[in-house]
Protein backbone atom coordinates (compact mmCIF):
# COMPACT_ATOMS: atom_id res chain seq x y z
CA MET A 1 -26.73 -21.32 -99.82
CA GLU A 2 -29.03 -19.32 -97.55
CA THR A 3 -27.37 -17.13 -94.90
CA THR A 4 -28.96 -19.25 -92.16
CA ASP A 5 -27.48 -22.40 -93.68
CA ALA A 6 -23.99 -20.86 -93.88
CA ILE A 7 -24.15 -19.83 -90.23
CA LYS A 8 -25.25 -23.31 -89.14
CA LYS A 9 -22.74 -25.13 -91.36
CA ARG A 10 -19.69 -23.10 -90.35
CA LYS A 11 -17.35 -24.89 -87.96
CA SER A 12 -13.68 -24.91 -87.03
CA THR A 13 -11.82 -27.30 -89.33
CA ARG A 14 -8.49 -28.72 -88.17
CA ALA A 15 -7.42 -30.90 -91.11
CA PHE A 16 -7.37 -29.72 -94.73
CA LEU A 17 -6.75 -31.21 -98.14
CA PRO A 18 -3.77 -29.76 -100.07
CA GLU A 19 -5.84 -28.19 -102.88
CA ILE A 20 -5.13 -24.43 -103.06
CA VAL A 21 -8.10 -22.07 -103.42
CA PRO A 22 -7.61 -20.02 -106.63
CA THR A 23 -6.67 -16.36 -106.21
CA GLU A 24 -9.77 -15.18 -108.06
CA THR A 25 -11.95 -17.05 -105.58
CA VAL A 26 -10.06 -15.51 -102.66
CA LYS A 27 -10.56 -12.04 -104.15
CA LYS A 28 -14.28 -12.71 -104.50
CA LEU A 29 -14.54 -13.74 -100.85
CA LEU A 30 -12.54 -10.71 -99.70
CA ASN A 31 -14.79 -8.40 -101.72
CA LEU A 32 -17.75 -9.87 -99.85
CA ALA A 33 -16.02 -9.62 -96.46
CA LYS A 34 -15.21 -5.94 -96.90
CA GLN A 35 -18.94 -5.18 -96.74
CA ALA A 36 -18.80 -5.82 -92.97
CA PRO A 37 -19.73 -2.90 -90.69
CA SER A 38 -16.93 -0.47 -89.85
CA TRP A 39 -16.79 2.40 -87.34
CA VAL A 40 -17.28 5.64 -89.35
CA ASN A 41 -16.18 3.56 -92.37
CA SER A 42 -12.64 3.53 -90.98
CA GLN A 43 -11.85 0.10 -92.51
CA PRO A 44 -8.73 -0.34 -90.33
CA GLU A 45 -7.73 -3.86 -91.38
CA HIS A 46 -4.82 -4.98 -93.52
CA VAL A 47 -4.99 -8.47 -94.99
CA TYR A 48 -2.09 -10.69 -96.01
CA ALA A 49 -3.28 -13.57 -98.22
CA LEU A 50 -0.86 -16.51 -98.29
CA SER A 51 -0.62 -19.68 -100.34
CA GLY A 52 1.96 -21.67 -102.26
CA SER A 53 5.66 -21.19 -101.52
CA THR A 54 5.11 -18.28 -99.11
CA LEU A 55 2.81 -20.33 -96.91
CA ASP A 56 5.18 -23.30 -97.17
CA GLN A 57 8.01 -21.10 -95.93
CA LEU A 58 5.91 -19.86 -93.02
CA LYS A 59 5.00 -23.41 -92.00
CA LYS A 60 8.68 -24.41 -92.14
CA GLU A 61 9.73 -21.44 -90.01
CA TYR A 62 6.99 -22.12 -87.46
CA GLN A 63 7.82 -25.81 -87.20
CA GLN A 64 11.50 -25.06 -86.70
CA ALA A 65 10.73 -22.43 -84.05
CA SER A 66 8.43 -24.83 -82.20
CA ALA A 67 11.01 -27.64 -82.36
CA ASN A 68 13.60 -25.27 -80.88
CA GLY A 69 11.29 -24.47 -77.98
CA LYS A 70 10.57 -20.91 -79.05
CA LYS A 71 7.94 -19.32 -76.82
CA SER A 72 4.94 -17.72 -78.45
CA ASN A 73 4.74 -13.95 -78.19
CA PRO A 74 1.54 -12.71 -79.87
CA ASP A 75 0.90 -9.00 -80.30
CA ILE A 76 -2.33 -9.46 -78.30
CA PRO A 77 -1.17 -11.10 -75.06
CA MET A 78 -2.65 -14.42 -74.04
CA MET A 79 -4.75 -14.50 -70.87
CA ALA A 80 -4.68 -17.49 -68.51
CA ARG A 81 -7.96 -19.37 -68.45
CA ASP A 82 -8.44 -18.78 -64.73
CA LYS A 83 -8.57 -15.04 -65.49
CA TRP A 84 -11.60 -15.42 -67.74
CA SER A 85 -15.14 -15.03 -66.39
CA LYS A 86 -16.76 -18.01 -64.66
CA GLN A 87 -19.14 -18.41 -67.57
CA CYS A 88 -16.26 -18.55 -70.06
CA GLN A 89 -14.28 -20.97 -67.91
CA ALA A 90 -17.29 -23.30 -67.65
CA ASN A 91 -17.80 -23.27 -71.42
CA MET A 92 -14.11 -23.96 -72.11
CA GLN A 93 -14.05 -26.77 -69.55
CA LYS A 94 -17.11 -28.39 -71.12
CA TRP A 95 -15.47 -28.23 -74.54
CA ASN A 96 -12.27 -29.80 -73.20
CA GLU A 97 -14.22 -32.62 -71.56
CA GLY A 98 -15.77 -33.51 -74.91
CA LEU A 99 -12.45 -33.91 -76.75
CA PRO A 100 -11.58 -37.41 -75.43
CA LYS A 101 -14.99 -38.64 -76.59
CA THR A 102 -14.09 -37.66 -80.16
CA LEU A 103 -10.33 -38.17 -80.31
CA GLY A 104 -9.69 -40.74 -77.58
CA PRO A 105 -7.43 -40.58 -74.51
CA LYS A 106 -4.50 -39.16 -76.47
CA TRP A 107 -6.54 -36.23 -77.69
CA GLY A 108 -3.87 -33.73 -76.65
CA GLU A 109 -1.28 -35.38 -78.88
CA GLU A 110 -3.77 -35.48 -81.75
CA MET A 111 -4.59 -31.78 -81.39
CA GLY A 112 -0.90 -30.89 -81.20
CA LYS A 113 -0.05 -32.98 -84.26
CA HIS A 114 -2.43 -30.92 -86.36
CA SER A 115 -1.71 -27.51 -84.89
CA ASP A 116 2.06 -27.98 -85.25
CA VAL A 117 1.67 -28.12 -89.04
CA LEU A 118 -0.83 -25.23 -89.03
CA TYR A 119 -3.60 -27.72 -89.81
CA ASN A 120 -2.07 -28.15 -93.29
CA VAL A 121 -4.10 -25.19 -94.50
CA PRO A 122 -3.55 -24.49 -98.22
CA ASN A 123 -4.59 -20.85 -97.85
CA LEU A 124 -4.17 -18.42 -94.98
CA LEU A 125 -5.19 -14.86 -94.18
CA ILE A 126 -3.25 -12.84 -91.61
CA LEU A 127 -5.25 -9.86 -90.34
CA THR A 128 -3.53 -6.83 -88.83
CA LEU A 129 -4.46 -3.46 -87.39
CA PRO A 130 -2.38 -0.28 -87.15
CA LYS A 131 -0.61 0.13 -83.83
CA GLY A 132 -2.56 2.32 -81.44
CA TYR A 133 -5.82 1.10 -82.94
CA SER A 134 -9.13 2.00 -81.35
CA ALA A 135 -10.85 -0.76 -79.41
CA TRP A 136 -13.70 -0.30 -81.89
CA SER A 137 -11.35 -1.53 -84.60
CA LEU A 138 -11.20 -4.93 -82.93
CA TYR A 139 -14.96 -5.23 -83.45
CA ASP A 140 -14.55 -4.12 -87.07
CA LEU A 141 -11.83 -6.71 -87.66
CA GLY A 142 -13.93 -9.43 -86.05
CA SER A 143 -16.85 -8.50 -88.28
CA PHE A 144 -14.60 -8.58 -91.33
CA GLY A 145 -13.17 -11.96 -90.36
CA ASN A 146 -16.56 -13.52 -89.67
CA SER A 147 -17.96 -12.16 -92.92
CA PHE A 148 -15.07 -13.81 -94.75
CA VAL A 149 -15.67 -17.10 -92.93
CA LEU A 150 -19.37 -17.11 -93.80
CA ALA A 151 -18.65 -16.20 -97.42
CA ALA A 152 -16.14 -19.05 -97.58
CA THR A 153 -18.69 -21.46 -96.07
CA ASP A 154 -21.22 -20.33 -98.66
CA ALA A 155 -18.63 -21.14 -101.35
CA GLY A 156 -18.26 -24.69 -100.02
CA LEU A 157 -14.97 -24.08 -98.23
CA ALA A 158 -13.87 -24.96 -94.70
CA THR A 159 -12.22 -22.48 -92.33
CA MET A 160 -10.19 -22.26 -89.15
CA THR A 161 -9.72 -19.04 -87.19
CA ALA A 162 -6.82 -19.73 -84.86
CA TYR A 163 -4.25 -18.32 -82.46
CA GLN A 164 -1.79 -20.88 -83.81
CA PHE A 165 -1.35 -18.83 -86.99
CA ILE A 166 -0.23 -15.66 -85.22
CA LYS A 167 1.73 -16.91 -82.21
CA TYR A 168 5.08 -15.88 -83.75
CA PRO A 169 4.53 -12.34 -85.06
CA ASP A 170 8.27 -11.80 -85.53
CA ILE A 171 8.36 -14.67 -88.02
CA LEU A 172 5.27 -13.30 -89.77
CA ARG A 173 6.90 -9.89 -90.07
CA GLN A 174 10.01 -11.44 -91.58
CA VAL A 175 8.23 -13.70 -94.07
CA LEU A 176 5.49 -11.25 -95.07
CA ASN A 177 7.33 -7.95 -94.63
CA ILE A 178 4.69 -6.74 -92.19
CA PRO A 179 5.80 -3.28 -91.00
CA ASP A 180 6.46 -2.60 -87.33
CA ASP A 181 3.55 -0.15 -87.16
CA GLU A 182 1.01 -2.97 -87.60
CA ASP A 183 -0.15 -5.38 -84.89
CA VAL A 184 -0.86 -8.96 -85.93
CA ILE A 185 -4.34 -9.80 -84.64
CA ILE A 186 -5.59 -13.13 -86.00
CA GLY A 187 -5.23 -15.70 -88.77
CA ILE A 188 -7.87 -17.51 -90.81
CA GLY A 189 -6.96 -20.73 -92.60
CA PHE A 190 -9.25 -21.99 -95.34
CA GLY A 191 -9.59 -24.57 -98.09
CA HIS A 192 -11.26 -27.96 -98.46
CA ALA A 193 -11.77 -30.08 -95.34
CA ASP A 194 -10.24 -33.52 -95.02
CA SER A 195 -13.50 -35.27 -94.14
CA ALA A 196 -11.67 -38.54 -93.43
CA ASP A 197 -9.75 -37.06 -90.49
CA GLN A 198 -11.41 -37.74 -87.14
CA ILE A 199 -10.31 -34.38 -85.76
CA ASN A 200 -12.87 -32.69 -87.98
CA GLN A 201 -15.64 -34.44 -86.04
CA ILE A 202 -15.12 -32.14 -83.04
CA GLN A 203 -18.33 -30.31 -82.21
CA SER A 204 -18.83 -27.23 -80.07
CA GLU A 205 -22.02 -26.65 -78.12
CA ARG A 206 -23.45 -23.16 -77.74
CA MET A 207 -25.25 -21.85 -74.68
CA ASP A 208 -29.02 -21.61 -74.47
CA LEU A 209 -30.36 -18.09 -74.91
CA GLY A 210 -31.51 -18.06 -71.30
CA ASP A 211 -27.89 -18.41 -70.17
CA PHE A 212 -26.68 -15.18 -71.76
CA VAL A 213 -29.59 -13.09 -73.03
CA SER A 214 -31.67 -10.67 -70.93
CA PHE A 215 -34.92 -9.69 -72.62
CA GLU A 216 -36.18 -6.33 -71.41
CA ASN A 217 -39.72 -5.58 -72.66
C-alpha cells in the first residue's frame, strides 16, 4: 500500500473482531513505528503491548470499575470542551451533530456500549513517558503512535487511539506493573474491524486548508 493510501484509509475503528494479531506482526509494526522522529534521538516512550489473558483481565477490571461508578483520573488531565479554542469547539460540535445520522437517536448509548468494553480490541498498546518529561516528548510520542497506526493500516489492520484505554491509570499500573515514575499517555487498540457493525461507519470531516493554513510567500 502506498503511503498516501494508508493515510487516506486510516480511521478510528470502534468495533473489532476477536482475532488476535500475532506477536511477530506486532513486533514488525513496532520496528517500523520506532523510525518516527525524536528530539535529539531521545526516544522517550515505553510501550506495553497487551493481548490474550492480560488484556482480558484489564477489560474485566475496567468494566467493574465503571459499573461501580469509579471516576476516571488520567495522568494527563481532561479539559472541558468549553475551554478549547473556538475552532476546536466548532469541529467537535460538527462531529457530534453527525453521530445521530449514522447511529440513530440513541447514538450515545451505542457509543457507550462499545467504549465500555474497550471496543473489544484484541490487541492494545499503552504508551507512557517518564515523569517530568519534556513537552517535546509529547510530540515524539504522537509521532511514534501515528507511525504505528499507519504501519498497521498498511498491514490491513484497523486501529483506535482512545482516551478510554487510559482513563484508569491506577488499574493499568496494577495489571501491567507500570512503575510510578512513568505517566500513562495514550492507548492504541488494533486488530481486524468488524465491518458489519454500524458504529464503524462513523466518518470524520477535516477542515479545508484555508481554514487553518497561512501561506506566506
